[in-house]
PDB file of N, CA and C in Angstrom:
ATOM      1  N   UNK A   1       9.168 -98.511  58.622  1.00  0.00           N
ATOM      2  CA  UNK A   1      10.131 -98.522  59.721  1.00  0.00           C
ATOM      3  C   UNK A   1      11.333 -97.647  59.239  1.00  0.00           C
ATOM      4  N   UNK A   2      11.411 -97.532  57.432  1.00  0.00           N
ATOM      5  CA  UNK A   2      12.466 -96.880  57.331  1.00  0.00           C
ATOM      6  C   UNK A   2      12.440 -95.338  57.154  1.00  0.00           C
ATOM      7  N   UNK A   3      11.097 -94.933  57.458  1.00  0.00           N
ATOM      8  CA  UNK A   3      10.865 -93.398  57.376  1.00  0.00           C
ATOM      9  C   UNK A   3      11.487 -92.740  58.991  1.00  0.00           C
ATOM     10  N   UNK A   4      11.477 -93.952  59.893  1.00  0.00           N
ATOM     11  CA  UNK A   4      11.920 -93.576  61.338  1.00  0.00           C
ATOM     12  C   UNK A   4      13.136 -93.388  61.610  1.00  0.00           C
ATOM     13  N   UNK A   5      13.941 -94.103  60.385  1.00  0.00           N
ATOM     14  CA  UNK A   5      15.508 -94.113  60.632  1.00  0.00           C
ATOM     15  C   UNK A   5      16.164 -93.189  61.086  1.00  0.00           C
ATOM     16  N   UNK A   6      17.011 -93.127  61.972  1.00  0.00           N
ATOM     17  CA  UNK A   6      17.481 -92.136  62.587  1.00  0.00           C
ATOM     18  C   UNK A   6      16.768 -91.351  63.782  1.00  0.00           C
ATOM     19  N   UNK A   7      15.765 -91.448  63.933  1.00  0.00           N
ATOM     20  CA  UNK A   7      14.985 -90.630  64.974  1.00  0.00           C
ATOM     21  C   UNK A   7      14.897 -91.442  66.402  1.00  0.00           C
ATOM     22  N   UNK A   8      14.929 -90.734  67.431  1.00  0.00           N
ATOM     23  CA  UNK A   8      15.020 -91.503  68.617  1.00  0.00           C
ATOM     24  C   UNK A   8      13.993 -91.421  69.223  1.00  0.00           C
ATOM     25  N   UNK A   9      13.066 -90.732  68.978  1.00  0.00           N
ATOM     26  CA  UNK A   9      11.841 -90.719  69.928  1.00  0.00           C
ATOM     27  C   UNK A   9      10.654 -90.861  68.538  1.00  0.00           C
ATOM     28  N   UNK A  10       9.729 -92.108  68.763  1.00  0.00           N
ATOM     29  CA  UNK A  10       8.623 -91.970  68.381  1.00  0.00           C
ATOM     30  C   UNK A  10       7.241 -91.685  69.174  1.00  0.00           C
ATOM     31  N   UNK A  11       6.410 -90.787  68.822  1.00  0.00           N
ATOM     32  CA  UNK A  11       5.282 -90.526  69.451  1.00  0.00           C
ATOM     33  C   UNK A  11       3.709 -91.044  68.602  1.00  0.00           C
ATOM     34  N   UNK A  12       3.337 -92.039  69.685  1.00  0.00           N
ATOM     35  CA  UNK A  12       2.024 -92.600  69.193  1.00  0.00           C
ATOM     36  C   UNK A  12       1.014 -91.636  69.469  1.00  0.00           C
ATOM     37  N   UNK A  13      -0.108 -91.418  68.726  1.00  0.00           N
ATOM     38  CA  UNK A  13      -0.995 -90.560  69.147  1.00  0.00           C
ATOM     39  C   UNK A  13      -2.452 -91.032  68.709  1.00  0.00           C
ATOM     40  N   UNK A  14      -2.772 -92.444  69.128  1.00  0.00           N
ATOM     41  CA  UNK A  14      -4.049 -92.984  68.712  1.00  0.00           C
ATOM     42  C   UNK A  14      -5.242 -92.353  69.615  1.00  0.00           C
ATOM     43  N   UNK A  15      -6.380 -92.761  68.982  1.00  0.00           N
ATOM     44  CA  UNK A  15      -7.410 -91.754  69.316  1.00  0.00           C
ATOM     45  C   UNK A  15      -7.827 -92.210  70.677  1.00  0.00           C
ATOM     46  N   UNK A  16      -7.578 -93.472  71.170  1.00  0.00           N
ATOM     47  CA  UNK A  16      -7.842 -94.188  72.593  1.00  0.00           C
ATOM     48  C   UNK A  16      -6.802 -94.456  73.490  1.00  0.00           C
ATOM     49  N   UNK A  17      -5.909 -95.102  72.648  1.00  0.00           N
ATOM     50  CA  UNK A  17      -4.396 -95.518  73.616  1.00  0.00           C
ATOM     51  C   UNK A  17      -3.976 -96.854  72.762  1.00  0.00           C
ATOM     52  N   UNK A  18      -3.608 -97.669  73.575  1.00  0.00           N
ATOM     53  CA  UNK A  18      -3.199 -98.996  73.323  1.00  0.00           C
ATOM     54  C   UNK A  18      -4.296 -99.909  73.534  1.00  0.00           C
ATOM     55  N   UNK A  19      -4.199-101.101  72.224  1.00  0.00           N
ATOM     56  CA  UNK A  19      -5.150-102.104  72.154  1.00  0.00           C
ATOM     57  C   UNK A  19      -5.647-102.419  73.217  1.00  0.00           C
ATOM     58  N   UNK A  20      -6.792-103.073  73.207  1.00  0.00           N
ATOM     59  CA  UNK A  20      -7.910-103.584  74.315  1.00  0.00           C
ATOM     60  C   UNK A  20      -8.152-104.805  73.473  1.00  0.00           C
ATOM     61  N   UNK A  21      -8.700-105.715  74.824  1.00  0.00           N
ATOM     62  CA  UNK A  21      -8.986-107.231  74.222  1.00  0.00           C
ATOM     63  C   UNK A  21     -10.185-106.758  73.743  1.00  0.00           C
ATOM     64  N   UNK A  22     -11.187-106.067  74.097  1.00  0.00           N
ATOM     65  CA  UNK A  22     -12.760-106.199  73.749  1.00  0.00           C
ATOM     66  C   UNK A  22     -12.656-105.434  72.357  1.00  0.00           C
ATOM     67  N   UNK A  23     -11.503-105.115  71.644  1.00  0.00           N
ATOM     68  CA  UNK A  23     -11.408-104.603  70.531  1.00  0.00           C
ATOM     69  C   UNK A  23     -10.495-105.061  69.463  1.00  0.00           C
ATOM     70  N   UNK A  24     -11.192-106.330  68.393  1.00  0.00           N
ATOM     71  CA  UNK A  24     -10.387-106.985  67.999  1.00  0.00           C
ATOM     72  C   UNK A  24      -9.707-106.391  66.580  1.00  0.00           C
ATOM     73  N   UNK A  25      -8.650-106.416  66.141  1.00  0.00           N
ATOM     74  CA  UNK A  25      -7.779-106.123  65.145  1.00  0.00           C
ATOM     75  C   UNK A  25      -8.950-106.169  63.954  1.00  0.00           C
ATOM     76  N   UNK A  26      -8.456-105.096  62.917  1.00  0.00           N
ATOM     77  CA  UNK A  26      -9.164-105.143  61.824  1.00  0.00           C
ATOM     78  C   UNK A  26     -10.915-105.359  61.739  1.00  0.00           C
ATOM     79  N   UNK A  27     -11.285-104.875  63.147  1.00  0.00           N
ATOM     80  CA  UNK A  27     -12.654-104.646  63.235  1.00  0.00           C
ATOM     81  C   UNK A  27     -12.835-103.356  63.488  1.00  0.00           C
ATOM     82  N   UNK A  28     -14.500-102.926  63.558  1.00  0.00           N
ATOM     83  CA  UNK A  28     -14.890-101.738  63.683  1.00  0.00           C
ATOM     84  C   UNK A  28     -14.191-101.032  64.761  1.00  0.00           C
ATOM     85  N   UNK A  29     -13.357-100.170  64.927  1.00  0.00           N
ATOM     86  CA  UNK A  29     -13.146 -99.381  66.266  1.00  0.00           C
ATOM     87  C   UNK A  29     -11.613 -99.698  66.371  1.00  0.00           C
ATOM     88  N   UNK A  30     -11.253-100.664  65.708  1.00  0.00           N
ATOM     89  CA  UNK A  30      -9.814-100.978  65.996  1.00  0.00           C
ATOM     90  C   UNK A  30      -8.606 -99.951  65.521  1.00  0.00           C
ATOM     91  N   UNK A  31      -9.167 -99.003  64.661  1.00  0.00           N
ATOM     92  CA  UNK A  31      -8.026 -98.143  64.161  1.00  0.00           C
ATOM     93  C   UNK A  31      -7.983 -96.906  65.249  1.00  0.00           C
ATOM     94  N   UNK A  32      -8.668 -96.987  66.169  1.00  0.00           N
ATOM     95  CA  UNK A  32      -8.722 -95.836  67.314  1.00  0.00           C
ATOM     96  C   UNK A  32      -7.518 -96.280  68.241  1.00  0.00           C
ATOM     97  N   UNK A  33      -6.923 -97.436  68.008  1.00  0.00           N
ATOM     98  CA  UNK A  33      -5.841 -97.882  68.964  1.00  0.00           C
ATOM     99  C   UNK A  33      -4.581 -98.165  68.238  1.00  0.00           C
ATOM    100  N   UNK A  34      -3.102 -97.996  69.190  1.00  0.00           N
ATOM    101  CA  UNK A  34      -1.842 -98.498  68.552  1.00  0.00           C
ATOM    102  C   UNK A  34      -2.325 -99.926  68.930  1.00  0.00           C
ATOM    103  N   UNK A  35      -1.390-100.970  68.082  1.00  0.00           N
ATOM    104  CA  UNK A  35      -1.471-102.552  68.411  1.00  0.00           C
ATOM    105  C   UNK A  35       0.187-102.652  69.107  1.00  0.00           C
ATOM    106  N   UNK A  36      -0.204-103.621  69.920  1.00  0.00           N
ATOM    107  CA  UNK A  36       1.131-104.100  70.601  1.00  0.00           C
ATOM    108  C   UNK A  36       2.051-104.415  69.550  1.00  0.00           C
ATOM    109  N   UNK A  37       1.753-105.152  68.689  1.00  0.00           N
ATOM    110  CA  UNK A  37       2.938-105.655  67.740  1.00  0.00           C
ATOM    111  C   UNK A  37       3.680-104.231  67.249  1.00  0.00           C
ATOM    112  N   UNK A  38       2.871-103.106  66.752  1.00  0.00           N
ATOM    113  CA  UNK A  38       3.447-101.968  66.256  1.00  0.00           C
ATOM    114  C   UNK A  38       4.280-101.281  67.327  1.00  0.00           C
ATOM    115  N   UNK A  39       4.061-101.218  68.655  1.00  0.00           N
ATOM    116  CA  UNK A  39       5.054-100.773  69.683  1.00  0.00           C
ATOM    117  C   UNK A  39       6.388-101.460  69.900  1.00  0.00           C
ATOM    118  N   UNK A  40       5.960-102.980  69.655  1.00  0.00           N
ATOM    119  CA  UNK A  40       7.485-103.713  69.904  1.00  0.00           C
ATOM    120  C   UNK A  40       8.114-103.620  68.535  1.00  0.00           C
ATOM    121  N   UNK A  41       7.582-103.654  67.500  1.00  0.00           N
ATOM    122  CA  UNK A  41       8.249-103.353  66.492  1.00  0.00           C
ATOM    123  C   UNK A  41       9.142-102.315  66.317  1.00  0.00           C
ATOM    124  N   UNK A  42       8.409-100.816  66.755  1.00  0.00           N
ATOM    125  CA  UNK A  42       9.366 -99.733  66.931  1.00  0.00           C
ATOM    126  C   UNK A  42      10.351 -99.784  68.155  1.00  0.00           C
ATOM    127  N   UNK A  43      10.066-100.057  69.081  1.00  0.00           N
ATOM    128  CA  UNK A  43      11.165-100.314  70.131  1.00  0.00           C
ATOM    129  C   UNK A  43      12.228-101.292  69.750  1.00  0.00           C
ATOM    130  N   UNK A  44      11.887-102.332  69.196  1.00  0.00           N
ATOM    131  CA  UNK A  44      12.721-103.327  68.907  1.00  0.00           C
ATOM    132  C   UNK A  44      13.753-102.890  67.757  1.00  0.00           C
ATOM    133  N   UNK A  45      13.463-101.737  66.918  1.00  0.00           N
ATOM    134  CA  UNK A  45      14.014-100.975  65.953  1.00  0.00           C
ATOM    135  C   UNK A  45      14.742 -99.920  66.700  1.00  0.00           C
ATOM    136  N   UNK A  46      15.083 -99.799  67.922  1.00  0.00           N
ATOM    137  CA  UNK A  46      15.662 -98.807  68.631  1.00  0.00           C
ATOM    138  C   UNK A  46      14.821 -97.667  68.880  1.00  0.00           C
ATOM    139  N   UNK A  47      13.881 -97.351  68.647  1.00  0.00           N
ATOM    140  CA  UNK A  47      13.463 -95.877  69.127  1.00  0.00           C
ATOM    141  C   UNK A  47      12.775 -96.003  70.466  1.00  0.00           C
ATOM    142  N   UNK A  48      12.999 -94.806  71.233  1.00  0.00           N
ATOM    143  CA  UNK A  48      12.040 -94.757  72.289  1.00  0.00           C
ATOM    144  C   UNK A  48      10.779 -94.398  72.181  1.00  0.00           C
ATOM    145  N   UNK A  49       9.622 -94.684  72.816  1.00  0.00           N
ATOM    146  CA  UNK A  49       8.316 -94.542  72.642  1.00  0.00           C
ATOM    147  C   UNK A  49       7.901 -93.529  73.587  1.00  0.00           C
ATOM    148  N   UNK A  50       6.847 -92.667  72.892  1.00  0.00           N
ATOM    149  CA  UNK A  50       5.627 -91.809  73.773  1.00  0.00           C
ATOM    150  C   UNK A  50       4.620 -92.218  73.532  1.00  0.00           C
ATOM    151  N   UNK A  51       3.732 -92.731  74.137  1.00  0.00           N
ATOM    152  CA  UNK A  51       2.464 -93.195  73.743  1.00  0.00           C
ATOM    153  C   UNK A  51       1.205 -92.543  74.475  1.00  0.00           C
ATOM    154  N   UNK A  52       0.502 -91.622  73.860  1.00  0.00           N
ATOM    155  CA  UNK A  52      -0.866 -91.124  74.441  1.00  0.00           C
ATOM    156  C   UNK A  52      -1.792 -92.120  74.597  1.00  0.00           C
ATOM    157  N   UNK A  53      -2.401 -91.923  75.952  1.00  0.00           N
ATOM    158  CA  UNK A  53      -3.535 -93.156  76.555  1.00  0.00           C
ATOM    159  C   UNK A  53      -4.557 -92.269  77.324  1.00  0.00           C
ATOM    160  N   UNK A  54      -5.724 -92.747  76.878  1.00  0.00           N
ATOM    161  CA  UNK A  54      -7.073 -92.286  77.508  1.00  0.00           C
ATOM    162  C   UNK A  54      -6.859 -93.103  78.983  1.00  0.00           C
ATOM    163  N   UNK A  55      -7.682 -92.730  80.031  1.00  0.00           N
ATOM    164  CA  UNK A  55      -7.914 -93.408  81.062  1.00  0.00           C
ATOM    165  C   UNK A  55      -9.471 -94.249  80.700  1.00  0.00           C
ATOM    166  N   UNK A  56      -9.309 -95.613  81.157  1.00  0.00           N
ATOM    167  CA  UNK A  56     -10.233 -96.241  81.181  1.00  0.00           C
ATOM    168  C   UNK A  56     -11.385 -96.193  82.263  1.00  0.00           C
ATOM    169  N   UNK A  57     -12.196 -96.757  82.274  1.00  0.00           N
ATOM    170  CA  UNK A  57     -12.838 -96.728  83.627  1.00  0.00           C
ATOM    171  C   UNK A  57     -12.484 -97.830  84.719  1.00  0.00           C
ATOM    172  N   UNK A  58     -11.435 -97.457  85.604  1.00  0.00           N
ATOM    173  CA  UNK A  58     -10.839 -98.303  86.048  1.00  0.00           C
ATOM    174  C   UNK A  58      -9.947 -97.271  87.111  1.00  0.00           C
ATOM    175  N   UNK A  59      -9.471 -97.660  88.157  1.00  0.00           N
ATOM    176  CA  UNK A  59      -8.655 -97.014  89.282  1.00  0.00           C
ATOM    177  C   UNK A  59      -7.489 -96.253  88.253  1.00  0.00           C
ATOM    178  N   UNK A  60      -7.145 -95.164  88.671  1.00  0.00           N
ATOM    179  CA  UNK A  60      -6.068 -94.972  87.397  1.00  0.00           C
ATOM    180  C   UNK A  60      -4.895 -95.164  88.214  1.00  0.00           C
ATOM    181  N   UNK A  61      -4.541 -95.306  89.467  1.00  0.00           N
ATOM    182  CA  UNK A  61      -2.930 -95.729  89.819  1.00  0.00           C
ATOM    183  C   UNK A  61      -3.045 -97.095  89.189  1.00  0.00           C
ATOM    184  N   UNK A  62      -4.037 -97.751  89.465  1.00  0.00           N
ATOM    185  CA  UNK A  62      -4.089 -99.417  88.981  1.00  0.00           C
ATOM    186  C   UNK A  62      -3.812 -99.507  87.724  1.00  0.00           C
ATOM    187  N   UNK A  63      -4.465 -98.699  87.052  1.00  0.00           N
ATOM    188  CA  UNK A  63      -4.241 -98.926  85.611  1.00  0.00           C
ATOM    189  C   UNK A  63      -2.912 -98.513  85.261  1.00  0.00           C
ATOM    190  N   UNK A  64      -2.331 -97.318  85.725  1.00  0.00           N
ATOM    191  CA  UNK A  64      -0.890 -96.857  85.298  1.00  0.00           C
ATOM    192  C   UNK A  64       0.035 -98.033  85.582  1.00  0.00           C
ATOM    193  N   UNK A  65      -0.285 -98.486  86.881  1.00  0.00           N
ATOM    194  CA  UNK A  65       0.570 -99.593  87.260  1.00  0.00           C
ATOM    195  C   UNK A  65       0.218-101.023  86.434  1.00  0.00           C
ATOM    196  N   UNK A  66      -0.452-101.281  85.875  1.00  0.00           N
ATOM    197  CA  UNK A  66      -0.804-102.396  85.089  1.00  0.00           C
ATOM    198  C   UNK A  66       0.037-102.199  84.001  1.00  0.00           C
ATOM    199  N   UNK A  67      -0.461-101.167  83.172  1.00  0.00           N
ATOM    200  CA  UNK A  67      -0.073-100.784  81.724  1.00  0.00           C
ATOM    201  C   UNK A  67       1.378-100.514  81.943  1.00  0.00           C
ATOM    202  N   UNK A  68       2.246 -99.979  82.484  1.00  0.00           N
ATOM    203  CA  UNK A  68       3.671 -99.899  82.694  1.00  0.00           C
ATOM    204  C   UNK A  68       4.370-101.158  82.903  1.00  0.00           C
ATOM    205  N   UNK A  69       3.449-102.017  83.907  1.00  0.00           N
ATOM    206  CA  UNK A  69       4.424-103.638  83.770  1.00  0.00           C
ATOM    207  C   UNK A  69       3.831-104.213  82.580  1.00  0.00           C
ATOM    208  N   UNK A  70       2.920-104.173  81.549  1.00  0.00           N
ATOM    209  CA  UNK A  70       2.682-104.886  80.527  1.00  0.00           C
ATOM    210  C   UNK A  70       3.677-104.160  79.631  1.00  0.00           C
ATOM    211  N   UNK A  71       3.946-102.785  79.539  1.00  0.00           N
ATOM    212  CA  UNK A  71       4.865-101.972  78.677  1.00  0.00           C
ATOM    213  C   UNK A  71       6.226-102.536  78.810  1.00  0.00           C
ATOM    214  N   UNK A  72       6.571-102.369  80.292  1.00  0.00           N
ATOM    215  CA  UNK A  72       7.877-103.114  80.533  1.00  0.00           C
ATOM    216  C   UNK A  72       8.258-104.561  79.994  1.00  0.00           C
ATOM    217  N   UNK A  73       7.437-105.691  80.194  1.00  0.00           N
ATOM    218  CA  UNK A  73       7.422-107.060  80.098  1.00  0.00           C
ATOM    219  C   UNK A  73       7.524-107.101  78.439  1.00  0.00           C
ATOM    220  N   UNK A  74       6.601-106.469  77.961  1.00  0.00           N
ATOM    221  CA  UNK A  74       6.160-106.910  76.182  1.00  0.00           C
ATOM    222  C   UNK A  74       7.564-106.459  75.505  1.00  0.00           C
ATOM    223  N   UNK A  75       7.643-104.960  75.751  1.00  0.00           N
ATOM    224  CA  UNK A  75       8.710-104.538  75.154  1.00  0.00           C
ATOM    225  C   UNK A  75      10.244-104.913  75.625  1.00  0.00           C
ATOM    226  N   UNK A  76      10.260-105.369  76.632  1.00  0.00           N
ATOM    227  CA  UNK A  76      11.869-105.852  77.531  1.00  0.00           C
ATOM    228  C   UNK A  76      12.309-104.252  77.867  1.00  0.00           C
ATOM    229  N   UNK A  77      11.774-103.636  78.452  1.00  0.00           N
ATOM    230  CA  UNK A  77      11.926-102.319  78.590  1.00  0.00           C
ATOM    231  C   UNK A  77      12.641-102.015  79.965  1.00  0.00           C
ATOM    232  N   UNK A  78      13.868-101.164  80.360  1.00  0.00           N
ATOM    233  CA  UNK A  78      14.161-101.264  81.817  1.00  0.00           C
ATOM    234  C   UNK A  78      13.605-100.347  82.588  1.00  0.00           C
ATOM    235  N   UNK A  79      12.770 -99.440  82.042  1.00  0.00           N
ATOM    236  CA  UNK A  79      12.209 -98.438  82.759  1.00  0.00           C
ATOM    237  C   UNK A  79      10.964 -97.804  81.846  1.00  0.00           C
ATOM    238  N   UNK A  80       9.436 -97.555  82.371  1.00  0.00           N
ATOM    239  CA  UNK A  80       8.697 -97.027  81.970  1.00  0.00           C
ATOM    240  C   UNK A  80       8.347 -95.339  82.902  1.00  0.00           C
ATOM    241  N   UNK A  81       8.206 -94.634  81.883  1.00  0.00           N
ATOM    242  CA  UNK A  81       7.845 -93.286  82.598  1.00  0.00           C
ATOM    243  C   UNK A  81       6.194 -93.242  82.667  1.00  0.00           C
ATOM    244  N   UNK A  82       5.557 -92.724  83.214  1.00  0.00           N
ATOM    245  CA  UNK A  82       4.137 -92.381  83.358  1.00  0.00           C
ATOM    246  C   UNK A  82       4.048 -90.961  83.436  1.00  0.00           C
ATOM    247  N   UNK A  83       3.368 -90.089  82.814  1.00  0.00           N
ATOM    248  CA  UNK A  83       3.337 -88.536  82.968  1.00  0.00           C
ATOM    249  C   UNK A  83       1.636 -88.726  82.751  1.00  0.00           C
ATOM    250  N   UNK A  84       1.152 -88.440  84.052  1.00  0.00           N
ATOM    251  CA  UNK A  84      -0.404 -88.331  83.968  1.00  0.00           C
ATOM    252  C   UNK A  84      -1.141 -86.921  84.335  1.00  0.00           C
ATOM    253  N   UNK A  85      -2.085 -86.894  83.419  1.00  0.00           N
ATOM    254  CA  UNK A  85      -2.960 -85.623  83.571  1.00  0.00           C
ATOM    255  C   UNK A  85      -4.179 -85.902  84.310  1.00  0.00           C
ATOM    256  N   UNK A  86      -5.133 -84.806  84.334  1.00  0.00           N
ATOM    257  CA  UNK A  86      -6.361 -85.037  84.701  1.00  0.00           C
ATOM    258  C   UNK A  86      -7.192 -86.129  83.928  1.00  0.00           C
ATOM    259  N   UNK A  87      -7.031 -86.356  82.617  1.00  0.00           N
ATOM    260  CA  UNK A  87      -7.831 -86.985  81.757  1.00  0.00           C
ATOM    261  C   UNK A  87      -6.894 -87.930  81.035  1.00  0.00           C
ATOM    262  N   UNK A  88      -5.785 -88.022  80.942  1.00  0.00           N
ATOM    263  CA  UNK A  88      -5.139 -88.938  80.004  1.00  0.00           C
ATOM    264  C   UNK A  88      -3.372 -88.936  80.899  1.00  0.00           C
ATOM    265  N   UNK A  89      -2.938 -90.078  80.391  1.00  0.00           N
ATOM    266  CA  UNK A  89      -1.664 -90.471  80.558  1.00  0.00           C
ATOM    267  C   UNK A  89      -0.719 -90.831  79.244  1.00  0.00           C
ATOM    268  N   UNK A  90       0.672 -90.288  79.472  1.00  0.00           N
ATOM    269  CA  UNK A  90       1.372 -90.562  78.361  1.00  0.00           C
ATOM    270  C   UNK A  90       2.412 -91.406  78.796  1.00  0.00           C
ATOM    271  N   UNK A  91       2.648 -92.454  78.269  1.00  0.00           N
ATOM    272  CA  UNK A  91       4.009 -93.578  78.664  1.00  0.00           C
ATOM    273  C   UNK A  91       5.214 -93.213  77.700  1.00  0.00           C
ATOM    274  N   UNK A  92       6.094 -93.095  78.578  1.00  0.00           N
ATOM    275  CA  UNK A  92       7.149 -93.253  77.810  1.00  0.00           C
ATOM    276  C   UNK A  92       8.039 -94.345  77.921  1.00  0.00           C
ATOM    277  N   UNK A  93       8.664 -94.800  76.914  1.00  0.00           N
ATOM    278  CA  UNK A  93       9.445 -96.112  77.188  1.00  0.00           C
ATOM    279  C   UNK A  93      10.556 -95.663  76.373  1.00  0.00           C
ATOM    280  N   UNK A  94      11.694 -95.649  77.368  1.00  0.00           N
ATOM    281  CA  UNK A  94      12.778 -94.838  76.811  1.00  0.00           C
ATOM    282  C   UNK A  94      13.783 -96.134  76.463  1.00  0.00           C
ATOM    283  N   UNK A  95      14.536 -96.151  75.252  1.00  0.00           N
ATOM    284  CA  UNK A  95      15.760 -97.353  75.074  1.00  0.00           C
ATOM    285  C   UNK A  95      16.872 -96.846  76.378  1.00  0.00           C
ATOM    286  N   UNK A  96      17.566 -98.165  76.199  1.00  0.00           N
ATOM    287  CA  UNK A  96      18.617 -97.899  77.518  1.00  0.00           C
ATOM    288  C   UNK A  96      19.597 -96.529  77.371  1.00  0.00           C
ATOM    289  N   UNK A  97      19.839 -96.520  76.088  1.00  0.00           N
ATOM    290  CA  UNK A  97      20.649 -95.362  75.639  1.00  0.00           C
ATOM    291  C   UNK A  97      20.128 -93.915  76.115  1.00  0.00           C
ATOM    292  N   UNK A  98      18.597 -93.774  76.253  1.00  0.00           N
ATOM    293  CA  UNK A  98      17.893 -92.666  76.722  1.00  0.00           C
ATOM    294  C   UNK A  98      17.367 -92.415  77.854  1.00  0.00           C
ATOM    295  N   UNK A  99      17.842 -93.555  78.728  1.00  0.00           N
ATOM    296  CA  UNK A  99      17.417 -93.559  80.007  1.00  0.00           C
ATOM    297  C   UNK A  99      17.904 -92.316  80.877  1.00  0.00           C
ATOM    298  N   UNK A 100      18.830 -92.215  81.124  1.00  0.00           N
ATOM    299  CA  UNK A 100      19.463 -90.850  81.995  1.00  0.00           C
ATOM    300  C   UNK A 100      18.906 -89.698  81.399  1.00  0.00           C
ATOM    301  N   UNK A 101      19.031 -89.617  80.123  1.00  0.00           N
ATOM    302  CA  UNK A 101      18.250 -88.042  79.550  1.00  0.00           C
ATOM    303  C   UNK A 101      16.987 -87.924  79.963  1.00  0.00           C
ATOM    304  N   UNK A 102      16.163 -88.980  79.805  1.00  0.00           N
ATOM    305  CA  UNK A 102      14.726 -88.559  80.515  1.00  0.00           C
ATOM    306  C   UNK A 102      14.395 -88.756  81.794  1.00  0.00           C
ATOM    307  N   UNK A 103      15.422 -89.622  82.495  1.00  0.00           N
ATOM    308  CA  UNK A 103      15.455 -89.273  84.030  1.00  0.00           C
ATOM    309  C   UNK A 103      15.786 -87.996  84.620  1.00  0.00           C
ATOM    310  N   UNK A 104      16.686 -87.089  83.749  1.00  0.00           N
ATOM    311  CA  UNK A 104      17.282 -85.996  84.632  1.00  0.00           C
ATOM    312  C   UNK A 104      16.072 -84.803  83.840  1.00  0.00           C
ATOM    313  N   UNK A 105      15.114 -85.032  82.961  1.00  0.00           N
ATOM    314  CA  UNK A 105      14.275 -83.900  82.771  1.00  0.00           C
ATOM    315  C   UNK A 105      12.645 -84.215  83.645  1.00  0.00           C
ATOM    316  N   UNK A 106      12.768 -85.475  83.973  1.00  0.00           N
ATOM    317  CA  UNK A 106      11.165 -85.638  84.884  1.00  0.00           C
ATOM    318  C   UNK A 106      11.035 -84.898  85.785  1.00  0.00           C
ATOM    319  N   UNK A 107      12.052 -84.341  86.737  1.00  0.00           N
ATOM    320  CA  UNK A 107      11.712 -83.380  87.556  1.00  0.00           C
ATOM    321  C   UNK A 107      11.326 -82.087  87.173  1.00  0.00           C
ATOM    322  N   UNK A 108      12.164 -81.353  86.092  1.00  0.00           N
ATOM    323  CA  UNK A 108      11.807 -80.218  85.728  1.00  0.00           C
ATOM    324  C   UNK A 108      10.319 -80.220  84.995  1.00  0.00           C
ATOM    325  N   UNK A 109       9.905 -81.463  84.367  1.00  0.00           N
ATOM    326  CA  UNK A 109       8.611 -81.776  83.975  1.00  0.00           C
ATOM    327  C   UNK A 109       7.651 -81.446  85.519  1.00  0.00           C
ATOM    328  N   UNK A 110       7.959 -82.092  86.483  1.00  0.00           N
ATOM    329  CA  UNK A 110       7.166 -81.965  87.534  1.00  0.00           C
ATOM    330  C   UNK A 110       7.052 -80.617  87.995  1.00  0.00           C
ATOM    331  N   UNK A 111       8.131 -79.921  88.262  1.00  0.00           N
ATOM    332  CA  UNK A 111       7.855 -78.632  88.462  1.00  0.00           C
ATOM    333  C   UNK A 111       7.536 -77.450  87.664  1.00  0.00           C
ATOM    334  N   UNK A 112       7.919 -77.600  86.372  1.00  0.00           N
ATOM    335  CA  UNK A 112       7.147 -76.775  85.623  1.00  0.00           C
ATOM    336  C   UNK A 112       5.532 -76.814  85.359  1.00  0.00           C
ATOM    337  N   UNK A 113       5.132 -77.983  85.348  1.00  0.00           N
ATOM    338  CA  UNK A 113       3.862 -78.588  85.295  1.00  0.00           C
ATOM    339  C   UNK A 113       3.198 -78.723  86.396  1.00  0.00           C
ATOM    340  N   UNK A 114       3.458 -78.536  87.574  1.00  0.00           N
ATOM    341  CA  UNK A 114       2.952 -78.775  88.706  1.00  0.00           C
ATOM    342  C   UNK A 114       1.449 -78.744  88.737  1.00  0.00           C
ATOM    343  N   UNK A 115       0.794 -79.604  89.327  1.00  0.00           N
ATOM    344  CA  UNK A 115      -0.989 -79.855  89.435  1.00  0.00           C
ATOM    345  C   UNK A 115      -1.445 -80.074  88.152  1.00  0.00           C
ATOM    346  N   UNK A 116      -0.624 -80.120  87.133  1.00  0.00           N
ATOM    347  CA  UNK A 116      -1.153 -80.499  85.679  1.00  0.00           C
ATOM    348  C   UNK A 116      -0.773 -81.565  85.378  1.00  0.00           C
ATOM    349  N   UNK A 117       0.669 -81.660  85.591  1.00  0.00           N
ATOM    350  CA  UNK A 117       1.320 -83.124  84.822  1.00  0.00           C
ATOM    351  C   UNK A 117       2.245 -83.653  86.012  1.00  0.00           C
ATOM    352  N   UNK A 118       1.732 -85.056  86.579  1.00  0.00           N
ATOM    353  CA  UNK A 118       2.718 -85.569  87.265  1.00  0.00           C
ATOM    354  C   UNK A 118       3.634 -86.906  86.686  1.00  0.00           C
ATOM    355  N   UNK A 119       4.592 -86.910  86.896  1.00  0.00           N
ATOM    356  CA  UNK A 119       5.591 -87.977  86.070  1.00  0.00           C
ATOM    357  C   UNK A 119       6.161 -88.853  87.079  1.00  0.00           C
ATOM    358  N   UNK A 120       6.277 -90.254  86.754  1.00  0.00           N
ATOM    359  CA  UNK A 120       6.598 -91.013  87.666  1.00  0.00           C
ATOM    360  C   UNK A 120       7.480 -92.145  87.119  1.00  0.00           C
ATOM    361  N   UNK A 121       8.852 -92.753  87.382  1.00  0.00           N
ATOM    362  CA  UNK A 121       9.505 -93.714  86.696  1.00  0.00           C
ATOM    363  C   UNK A 121       8.774 -95.129  87.420  1.00  0.00           C
ATOM    364  N   UNK A 122       8.782 -95.991  86.684  1.00  0.00           N
ATOM    365  CA  UNK A 122       8.398 -97.536  87.021  1.00  0.00           C
ATOM    366  C   UNK A 122       9.780 -98.246  86.509  1.00  0.00           C
ATOM    367  N   UNK A 123      10.024 -98.990  87.156  1.00  0.00           N
ATOM    368  CA  UNK A 123      11.283 -99.787  87.050  1.00  0.00           C
ATOM    369  C   UNK A 123      10.897-101.351  86.456  1.00  0.00           C
ATOM    370  N   UNK A 124      11.423-101.385  85.057  1.00  0.00           N
ATOM    371  CA  UNK A 124      10.887-102.939  84.155  1.00  0.00           C
ATOM    372  C   UNK A 124      11.595-103.592  84.646  1.00  0.00           C
ATOM    373  N   UNK A 125      12.006-104.569  83.259  1.00  0.00           N
ATOM    374  CA  UNK A 125      12.822-105.950  83.585  1.00  0.00           C
ATOM    375  C   UNK A 125      14.427-105.651  83.404  1.00  0.00           C
TER     376      UNK A 125
END
């Protein structure tokens, strides 16, 4: 964490996304995921998070709603943004001090990348 000191936003780019129950830590394939405890430690240290996530074999809207809820509760976040593309979703979990900054940029992303990226805000805890 000392390497991240002073940084506002940390981008996690695991091969597959956030850890899943079917892949145990320290087992084959687990290195392709970012662990929940890594996300929590980074968020608790005061950084906003941006996390790359592949879509699983699950209805996309339900998946996004489920994972934004899990992120909000696990990280005790006020809101979570989901930036959906055709194949992946990026979850942005802003610190409270960054919420307004990212809210102002959401419509710009949606306008500039219309048809390619759709951003949505989910209210957390």
